[in-house]
Amino acid sequence: MATQDPRQPNFGGDVVSQLKYRVATDFAEPGLLGTETVVVKKGPKAYKTVSLLTFGDPETGRISTRTFRAQTWNAHPLEPGYDFTRTANSWSCNDDEIAAIQGFLNQEFAEPGDYSYFRADDASKTLLAQIGRSTLSTDDVQNVVQKLADYPSLGEALADLRDSSTISSVLTRTRQSRGLERLRAVIDDPSAIEPHIQRVLREEWWVFGGKYVSASVRRSYTVLDQFDIALIRADNSLHLVEIKQANIPGLVVPDHNHWIVGVEVHKAVSQAMNYLRSLDEKRAQIMADFEIDCRRASATVVLGHPRYIRASPTPAQLADALRTYNSHLSRIEVITYEELTQTAQRFLQLGQEQVHDDGVPDSSPSNRSAGQDVEPQLPNSGVASDASNPWEPAAPWDVTHDPWADDEPPF
């Protein structure tokens, strides 16, 4: 027969009274505000209970922690009742661990995986920690963005946020990075022809720089000419882009002791010249019909890539040949696809570095994403200006400034 615990009064076989006494005795801990106990099983061999203990400040009633405790008492081997003098099995958990058990019992974990529970006031901290550890999946990010989009006061909340423009910058930079990869892929394909490259560049026209604010929907402003890409500058003037193949073996050829551009370059530039002449002749009609200023328009010819050149010039020789050729052109510039993609890559890196340094994208025209509003450049922006009059160069005698650069030559 089991020995009666001298500390425990004789309850005359009242199991409930014995249990209450034992729970009150075992849980008599400092800071205990309350106890809730549920009998899980009252069997012939064991008596099982679970209890929820609340701890805190007795004076203020402020709760500091909760403990969930499961206990088992064995039945007396020789007499009715249970041995509440000692616990056969016991285990406990606290706070967030309780929430995990509750979620498990409520079948909230429908799929295998790692789950985290956190206090409501720590939700943002937990999310930021997951982002910092890069543990959020693509689906997680999409769900977060969708929930934010459904938030009724999202616009007002972001309007007061200093770094709100960072979101737009990240999305734009990601889309542009993908577009640049598409362009590289078609350039690297030796069988790609002009229409293949045109389809990509019409969508990724931002690679030509931040001085263009939009791409014209129209490809034809004159009766007989159809342009590959027509870009609109910040001053509402027109800029043409003539696209040729990347695979041009004779882009540059050796001539005596120098390198010169090949016949494909001459043909492409001549085509652009004819386009510009037609635009000049129809300037008044185009302005009246489309409100686009095409007088003295400019053009860029993009063609060739060093990987396809048959004669294999060095990078310096190729750059020197194109630079010499461009120096004798007025309104047309010739560039290779290598130069175009490298410039676009630097554009993206510059924007990314600016976000990392300041937390907010730079608003200067050179760092803005294409398609956003861009302030027109001051005429003499390449020369230091007097603060009192930014339209006048600080040093008019500076030989680096061409006083006729901004004036139109007479026809």
Protein backbone atom coordinates (compact mmCIF):
# COMPACT_ATOMS: atom_id res chain seq x y z
CA MET A 1 0.00 0.00 0.00
CA ALA A 2 1.29 3.43 -0.89
CA THR A 3 2.43 5.67 1.92
CA GLN A 4 0.42 8.85 2.47
CA ASP A 5 2.36 12.05 1.84
CA PRO A 6 2.53 13.78 5.25
CA ARG A 7 2.29 17.17 3.55
CA GLN A 8 -0.94 16.15 1.76
CA PRO A 9 -4.18 16.04 3.80
CA ASN A 10 -6.42 12.99 3.59
CA PHE A 11 -9.15 13.70 1.08
CA GLY A 12 -10.93 10.44 1.66
CA GLY A 13 -10.45 9.25 -1.93
CA ASP A 14 -11.68 12.49 -3.55
CA VAL A 15 -9.55 12.51 -6.71
CA VAL A 16 -10.56 16.01 -7.78
CA SER A 17 -9.67 17.50 -4.41
CA GLN A 18 -6.38 15.66 -4.35
CA LEU A 19 -5.56 16.91 -7.86
CA LYS A 20 -6.40 20.50 -6.99
CA TYR A 21 -4.21 20.33 -3.94
CA ARG A 22 -1.30 18.83 -5.88
CA VAL A 23 -1.58 21.38 -8.70
CA ALA A 24 -1.73 24.24 -6.24
CA THR A 25 1.29 22.86 -4.40
CA ASP A 26 3.41 22.14 -7.49
CA PHE A 27 2.59 25.44 -9.19
CA ALA A 28 3.17 27.63 -6.16
CA GLU A 29 5.83 29.65 -8.00
CA PRO A 30 6.67 33.37 -7.68
CA GLY A 31 4.71 35.60 -10.05
CA LEU A 32 1.96 33.07 -10.76
CA LEU A 33 -1.21 34.95 -11.67
CA GLY A 34 -3.47 32.04 -12.53
CA THR A 35 -3.76 28.39 -13.49
CA GLU A 36 -6.18 26.57 -15.79
CA THR A 37 -6.15 22.77 -15.73
CA VAL A 38 -7.94 20.26 -17.95
CA VAL A 39 -8.16 16.52 -17.30
CA VAL A 40 -7.09 14.75 -20.49
CA LYS A 41 -7.53 11.17 -19.29
CA LYS A 42 -8.77 9.46 -16.17
CA GLY A 43 -7.89 5.83 -16.77
CA PRO A 44 -7.29 2.74 -14.67
CA LYS A 45 -3.52 3.09 -14.94
CA ALA A 46 -2.86 6.81 -15.29
CA TYR A 47 -4.34 10.24 -14.71
CA LYS A 48 -3.30 12.85 -17.29
CA THR A 49 -3.74 16.61 -17.15
CA VAL A 50 -2.61 19.70 -19.02
CA SER A 51 -2.34 23.11 -17.40
CA LEU A 52 -1.86 26.65 -18.62
CA LEU A 53 0.04 28.85 -16.18
CA THR A 54 0.15 32.62 -16.44
CA PHE A 55 3.04 34.55 -14.85
CA GLY A 56 3.46 38.27 -14.38
CA ASP A 57 3.34 41.15 -11.94
CA PRO A 58 0.70 40.57 -9.23
CA GLU A 59 0.40 44.30 -8.56
CA THR A 60 -0.21 45.50 -12.09
CA GLY A 61 -1.54 42.29 -13.59
CA ARG A 62 0.88 42.62 -16.50
CA ILE A 63 1.54 39.21 -18.06
CA SER A 64 5.17 38.32 -18.73
CA THR A 65 4.96 34.68 -19.86
CA ARG A 66 2.68 31.68 -20.20
CA THR A 67 3.63 28.05 -19.59
CA PHE A 68 1.88 24.98 -20.92
CA ARG A 69 2.53 21.90 -18.76
CA ALA A 70 1.46 18.30 -19.31
CA GLN A 71 1.60 15.83 -16.40
CA THR A 72 0.87 12.16 -15.77
CA TRP A 73 0.22 10.46 -12.41
CA ASN A 74 0.14 6.70 -12.05
CA ALA A 75 -2.63 4.85 -10.34
CA HIS A 76 -2.06 3.28 -6.91
CA PRO A 77 -1.09 -0.34 -7.44
CA LEU A 78 -3.07 -1.68 -4.42
CA GLU A 79 -5.87 0.79 -3.68
CA PRO A 80 -8.28 2.97 -5.62
CA GLY A 81 -7.08 6.39 -6.70
CA TYR A 82 -3.83 7.83 -7.99
CA ASP A 83 -0.46 8.62 -6.55
CA PHE A 84 -0.39 12.43 -6.65
CA THR A 85 2.72 12.56 -4.47
CA ARG A 86 4.97 12.32 -7.47
CA THR A 87 4.66 12.89 -11.19
CA ALA A 88 5.31 9.96 -13.48
CA ASN A 89 5.83 12.12 -16.57
CA SER A 90 5.93 15.87 -17.09
CA TRP A 91 6.92 18.32 -19.78
CA SER A 92 6.27 21.97 -20.49
CA CYS A 93 6.71 24.76 -23.07
CA ASN A 94 6.40 28.54 -23.08
CA ASP A 95 4.83 31.37 -25.12
CA ASP A 96 5.57 30.92 -28.85
CA GLU A 97 6.06 27.20 -28.33
CA ILE A 98 2.45 27.01 -27.11
CA ALA A 99 1.29 28.73 -30.31
CA ALA A 100 3.13 26.12 -32.37
CA ILE A 101 1.32 23.32 -30.56
CA GLN A 102 -1.99 25.12 -30.95
CA GLY A 103 -1.40 25.53 -34.67
CA PHE A 104 -0.50 21.88 -35.01
CA LEU A 105 -3.67 20.77 -33.26
CA ASN A 106 -5.75 23.18 -35.38
CA GLN A 107 -4.26 21.63 -38.55
CA GLU A 108 -2.79 24.95 -39.65
CA PHE A 109 0.33 23.25 -41.06
CA ALA A 110 -1.17 21.82 -44.22
CA GLU A 111 2.16 21.32 -45.99
CA PRO A 112 5.64 20.21 -44.86
CA GLY A 113 8.08 23.02 -44.19
CA ASP A 114 9.58 25.37 -41.61
CA TYR A 115 7.07 27.55 -39.75
CA SER A 116 7.64 30.48 -37.40
CA TYR A 117 5.35 32.00 -34.79
CA PHE A 118 5.80 35.52 -33.54
CA ARG A 119 4.00 38.17 -31.58
CA ALA A 120 1.85 40.56 -33.56
CA ASP A 121 3.99 43.52 -32.57
CA ASP A 122 7.10 41.68 -33.81
CA ALA A 123 5.68 40.81 -37.24
CA SER A 124 7.64 43.44 -39.11
CA LYS A 125 10.87 42.50 -37.32
CA THR A 126 10.41 38.85 -38.23
CA LEU A 127 9.69 39.67 -41.87
CA LEU A 128 12.73 41.94 -42.09
CA ALA A 129 14.90 39.24 -40.53
CA GLN A 130 13.73 36.71 -43.12
CA ILE A 131 14.42 39.17 -45.93
CA GLY A 132 17.88 39.85 -44.53
CA ARG A 133 18.65 36.13 -44.43
CA SER A 134 17.21 35.70 -47.97
CA THR A 135 14.93 32.91 -46.71
CA LEU A 136 11.81 34.20 -48.46
CA SER A 137 10.87 32.26 -51.57
CA THR A 138 9.55 33.85 -54.76
CA ASP A 139 6.03 32.80 -53.78
CA ASP A 140 6.49 34.41 -50.36
CA VAL A 141 7.55 37.72 -51.92
CA GLN A 142 4.61 37.65 -54.34
CA ASN A 143 2.20 36.98 -51.47
CA VAL A 144 3.62 39.86 -49.44
CA VAL A 145 3.34 42.25 -52.38
CA GLN A 146 -0.23 41.08 -53.08
CA LYS A 147 -1.23 41.65 -49.45
CA LEU A 148 0.34 45.11 -49.54
CA ALA A 149 -1.56 45.91 -52.74
CA ASP A 150 -4.80 44.94 -50.99
CA TYR A 151 -4.00 47.24 -48.07
CA PRO A 152 -6.54 50.10 -48.36
CA SER A 153 -4.22 52.88 -47.18
CA LEU A 154 -1.09 51.69 -49.02
CA GLY A 155 -0.85 54.81 -51.18
CA GLU A 156 -1.02 57.19 -48.23
CA ALA A 157 1.43 55.08 -46.23
CA LEU A 158 4.01 55.04 -49.04
CA ALA A 159 3.52 58.72 -49.78
CA ASP A 160 4.89 59.58 -46.34
CA LEU A 161 7.77 57.11 -46.63
CA ARG A 162 11.13 58.61 -47.54
CA ASP A 163 12.28 55.44 -49.29
CA SER A 164 9.03 54.77 -51.18
CA SER A 165 10.68 55.34 -54.55
CA THR A 166 13.09 52.48 -53.80
CA ILE A 167 10.33 49.95 -54.53
CA SER A 168 9.74 51.35 -58.00
CA SER A 169 13.49 51.54 -58.62
CA VAL A 170 14.04 47.88 -57.67
CA LEU A 171 11.21 46.69 -59.92
CA THR A 172 12.39 48.82 -62.84
CA ARG A 173 16.00 47.71 -62.43
CA THR A 174 14.99 44.04 -62.30
CA ARG A 175 12.91 44.33 -65.44
CA GLN A 176 15.72 46.17 -67.21
CA SER A 177 18.25 43.53 -66.16
CA ARG A 178 16.09 40.84 -67.71
CA GLY A 179 15.72 42.93 -70.86
CA LEU A 180 19.47 43.37 -71.10
CA GLU A 181 19.94 39.60 -70.84
CA ARG A 182 17.46 39.13 -73.68
CA LEU A 183 19.43 41.60 -75.79
CA ARG A 184 22.72 39.83 -75.05
CA ALA A 185 21.16 36.49 -75.95
CA VAL A 186 20.03 37.65 -79.39
CA ILE A 187 23.37 39.38 -80.03
CA ASP A 188 25.26 36.20 -79.16
CA ASP A 189 23.21 34.26 -81.71
CA PRO A 190 25.18 34.35 -85.01
CA SER A 191 22.02 33.60 -86.99
CA ALA A 192 20.05 36.54 -85.54
CA ILE A 193 18.97 39.07 -88.16
CA GLU A 194 17.78 42.67 -87.86
CA PRO A 195 14.11 41.95 -87.05
CA HIS A 196 15.16 39.71 -84.15
CA ILE A 197 17.20 42.50 -82.58
CA GLN A 198 14.55 45.12 -83.36
CA ARG A 199 11.89 43.25 -81.40
CA VAL A 200 14.04 43.33 -78.26
CA LEU A 201 15.27 46.92 -78.59
CA ARG A 202 11.78 48.31 -79.17
CA GLU A 203 10.88 47.05 -75.70
CA GLU A 204 14.25 47.83 -74.10
CA TRP A 205 14.84 51.26 -75.64
CA TRP A 206 16.09 52.49 -72.25
CA VAL A 207 19.53 51.05 -73.16
CA PHE A 208 20.14 54.15 -75.29
CA GLY A 209 20.29 56.39 -72.21
CA GLY A 210 18.28 58.59 -69.89
CA LYS A 211 18.11 61.56 -72.26
CA TYR A 212 15.23 59.87 -74.07
CA VAL A 213 11.89 60.06 -72.28
CA SER A 214 9.82 57.76 -74.48
CA ALA A 215 9.73 55.68 -77.63
CA SER A 216 7.48 56.87 -80.42
CA VAL A 217 4.65 54.52 -81.32
CA ARG A 218 4.96 55.59 -84.95
CA ARG A 219 7.78 54.23 -87.09
CA SER A 220 6.98 56.35 -90.14
CA TYR A 221 6.78 60.14 -90.31
CA THR A 222 7.47 60.44 -94.02
CA VAL A 223 5.82 58.65 -96.92
CA LEU A 224 8.70 56.47 -98.10
CA ASP A 225 10.69 55.88 -94.91
CA GLN A 226 10.13 53.48 -92.03
CA PHE A 227 12.46 53.79 -89.05
CA ASP A 228 13.66 50.95 -86.87
CA ILE A 229 13.21 52.87 -83.60
CA ALA A 230 12.16 56.51 -83.09
CA LEU A 231 12.96 57.97 -79.67
CA ILE A 232 11.66 61.22 -78.18
CA ARG A 233 14.15 63.45 -76.39
CA ALA A 234 13.35 65.61 -73.38
CA ASP A 235 12.96 68.66 -75.66
CA ASN A 236 10.32 66.81 -77.76
CA SER A 237 12.70 66.34 -80.66
CA LEU A 238 13.18 63.15 -82.62
CA HIS A 239 16.11 60.74 -82.51
CA LEU A 240 16.35 57.80 -84.90
CA VAL A 241 17.99 54.46 -84.22
CA GLU A 242 19.04 52.41 -87.24
CA ILE A 243 19.58 48.75 -86.34
CA LYS A 244 21.74 46.34 -88.31
CA GLN A 245 23.00 42.84 -87.65
CA ALA A 246 25.51 42.04 -84.94
CA ASN A 247 27.20 39.44 -87.11
CA ILE A 248 29.17 41.64 -89.54
CA PRO A 249 32.59 40.12 -90.29
CA GLY A 250 33.75 43.22 -92.19
CA LEU A 251 32.82 45.80 -89.59
CA VAL A 252 36.36 47.20 -89.70
CA VAL A 253 39.16 46.26 -92.10
CA PRO A 254 42.89 47.01 -92.19
CA ASP A 255 43.96 49.72 -94.62
CA HIS A 256 47.72 50.44 -94.97
CA ASN A 257 48.85 51.10 -91.40
CA HIS A 258 45.40 51.86 -90.02
CA TRP A 259 41.95 50.39 -89.52
CA ILE A 260 38.89 51.78 -91.26
CA VAL A 261 35.18 50.96 -91.11
CA GLY A 262 33.85 48.54 -93.70
CA VAL A 263 31.30 49.01 -96.43
CA GLU A 264 28.38 47.86 -94.21
CA VAL A 265 29.00 50.83 -91.94
CA HIS A 266 28.98 53.27 -94.89
CA LYS A 267 25.72 51.84 -96.17
CA ALA A 268 24.01 52.05 -92.76
CA VAL A 269 25.18 55.64 -92.20
CA SER A 270 24.06 56.67 -95.68
CA GLN A 271 20.63 55.22 -94.97
CA ALA A 272 20.42 57.27 -91.76
CA MET A 273 21.53 60.40 -93.65
CA ASN A 274 18.68 59.99 -96.12
CA TYR A 275 16.19 59.58 -93.27
CA LEU A 276 17.42 62.78 -91.60
CA ARG A 277 17.23 64.74 -94.86
CA SER A 278 13.64 63.61 -95.38
CA LEU A 279 12.71 64.67 -91.87
CA ASP A 280 14.28 68.10 -92.39
CA GLU A 281 12.29 68.59 -95.57
CA LYS A 282 8.98 67.59 -93.91
CA ARG A 283 9.56 69.37 -90.62
CA ALA A 284 6.57 71.74 -90.80
CA GLN A 285 4.11 69.01 -91.77
CA ILE A 286 5.34 66.60 -89.10
CA MET A 287 5.12 69.30 -86.44
CA ALA A 288 1.55 70.13 -87.47
CA ASP A 289 0.43 66.50 -87.68
CA PHE A 290 2.28 64.88 -84.77
CA GLU A 291 3.65 67.78 -82.65
CA ILE A 292 7.13 66.28 -82.89
CA ASP A 293 10.11 68.49 -83.74
CA CYS A 294 12.20 66.65 -86.31
CA ARG A 295 14.28 69.59 -87.60
CA ARG A 296 17.96 68.87 -87.09
CA ALA A 297 17.07 65.44 -85.67
CA SER A 298 19.90 63.05 -84.84
CA ALA A 299 20.48 59.34 -85.31
CA THR A 300 22.38 56.40 -83.88
CA VAL A 301 23.49 53.45 -85.98
CA VAL A 302 23.96 50.23 -84.01
CA LEU A 303 25.69 47.34 -85.73
CA GLY A 304 28.41 44.74 -85.38
CA HIS A 305 30.16 43.09 -82.47
CA PRO A 306 33.89 42.40 -81.96
CA ARG A 307 33.25 38.65 -81.64
CA TYR A 308 32.20 38.44 -85.30
CA ILE A 309 34.94 40.60 -86.93
CA ARG A 310 36.97 38.51 -89.33
CA ALA A 311 40.21 40.53 -89.16
CA SER A 312 40.34 40.41 -85.33
CA PRO A 313 41.45 43.95 -84.45
CA THR A 314 42.42 44.70 -80.87
CA PRO A 315 39.84 46.56 -78.76
CA ALA A 316 41.95 49.70 -79.03
CA GLN A 317 42.15 49.45 -82.82
CA LEU A 318 38.38 48.96 -83.13
CA ALA A 319 37.64 51.87 -80.82
CA ASP A 320 40.11 54.11 -82.67
CA ALA A 321 38.59 53.28 -86.07
CA LEU A 322 35.03 54.05 -84.91
CA ARG A 323 36.07 57.15 -82.99
CA THR A 324 37.89 58.51 -86.05
CA TYR A 325 34.90 57.79 -88.26
CA ASN A 326 32.41 59.37 -85.82
CA SER A 327 34.54 62.50 -85.49
CA HIS A 328 33.75 63.32 -89.13
CA LEU A 329 29.99 62.87 -88.73
CA SER A 330 27.66 65.64 -87.63
CA ARG A 331 24.28 64.25 -86.59
CA ILE A 332 24.94 60.51 -86.67
CA GLU A 333 26.86 58.28 -84.29
CA VAL A 334 27.97 54.71 -84.97
CA ILE A 335 28.25 52.27 -82.04
CA THR A 336 28.60 48.51 -81.72
CA TYR A 337 26.31 46.22 -79.74
CA GLU A 338 29.16 45.62 -77.32
CA GLU A 339 29.33 49.32 -76.51
CA LEU A 340 25.54 49.52 -76.23
CA THR A 341 25.26 46.64 -73.74
CA GLN A 342 28.26 47.77 -71.69
CA THR A 343 26.80 51.26 -71.35
CA ALA A 344 23.44 49.80 -70.30
CA GLN A 345 25.16 47.58 -67.73
CA ARG A 346 26.97 50.57 -66.21
CA PHE A 347 23.65 52.41 -66.10
CA LEU A 348 22.11 49.59 -64.05
CA GLN A 349 25.11 49.30 -61.72
CA LEU A 350 25.14 53.02 -61.08
CA GLY A 351 21.48 52.96 -60.09
CA GLN A 352 22.03 49.97 -57.81
CA GLU A 353 25.02 51.58 -56.07
CA GLN A 354 23.01 54.76 -55.54
CA VAL A 355 20.20 52.84 -53.84
CA HIS A 356 22.67 50.99 -51.60
CA ASP A 357 24.50 54.18 -50.62
CA ASP A 358 21.53 56.42 -49.91
CA GLY A 359 18.57 54.11 -49.66
CA VAL A 360 16.86 56.29 -52.27
CA PRO A 361 17.55 56.31 -56.01
CA ASP A 362 19.35 59.34 -57.33
CA SER A 363 16.99 61.75 -59.06
CA SER A 364 19.59 63.14 -61.42
CA PRO A 365 18.79 62.63 -65.13
CA SER A 366 21.80 60.36 -65.67
CA ASN A 367 20.57 57.93 -63.01
CA ARG A 368 16.86 57.96 -63.71
CA SER A 369 15.23 54.98 -65.25
CA ALA A 370 14.19 55.50 -68.82
CA GLY A 371 10.55 56.37 -69.23
CA GLN A 372 10.42 58.65 -66.18
CA ASP A 373 10.22 62.41 -66.35
CA VAL A 374 13.58 63.96 -67.10
CA GLU A 375 14.51 67.60 -66.77
CA PRO A 376 15.97 69.12 -69.94
CA GLN A 377 19.68 69.75 -69.76
CA LEU A 378 20.95 73.30 -69.66
CA PRO A 379 22.59 74.29 -72.95
CA ASN A 380 26.09 74.64 -71.53
CA SER A 381 25.78 71.87 -68.97
CA GLY A 382 29.22 70.53 -69.83
CA VAL A 383 30.87 73.76 -68.63
CA ALA A 384 30.98 75.19 -65.13
CA SER A 385 28.25 77.82 -64.82
CA ASP A 386 27.83 81.01 -62.87
CA ALA A 387 25.29 80.50 -60.09
CA SER A 388 23.67 83.85 -60.88
CA ASN A 389 23.10 82.89 -64.51
CA PRO A 390 23.30 79.17 -65.26
CA TRP A 391 22.87 79.83 -68.96
CA GLU A 392 26.26 81.52 -69.20
CA PRO A 393 29.59 79.65 -68.84
CA ALA A 394 31.75 80.74 -65.93
CA ALA A 395 34.76 80.99 -68.25
CA PRO A 396 33.73 82.14 -71.77
CA TRP A 397 37.35 81.93 -72.92
CA ASP A 398 37.49 78.24 -72.02
CA VAL A 399 38.52 76.50 -75.25
CA THR A 400 36.60 73.38 -74.26
CA HIS A 401 33.38 75.25 -74.89
CA ASP A 402 32.19 75.62 -78.47
CA PRO A 403 30.08 78.84 -78.63
CA TRP A 404 28.41 77.56 -81.80
CA ALA A 405 27.55 74.12 -80.44
CA ASP A 406 23.99 75.12 -79.50
CA ASP A 407 23.22 77.17 -82.58
CA GLU A 408 21.77 75.76 -85.75
CA PRO A 409 23.89 76.27 -88.84
CA PRO A 410 21.98 77.96 -91.68
CA PHE A 411 20.61 75.82 -94.47
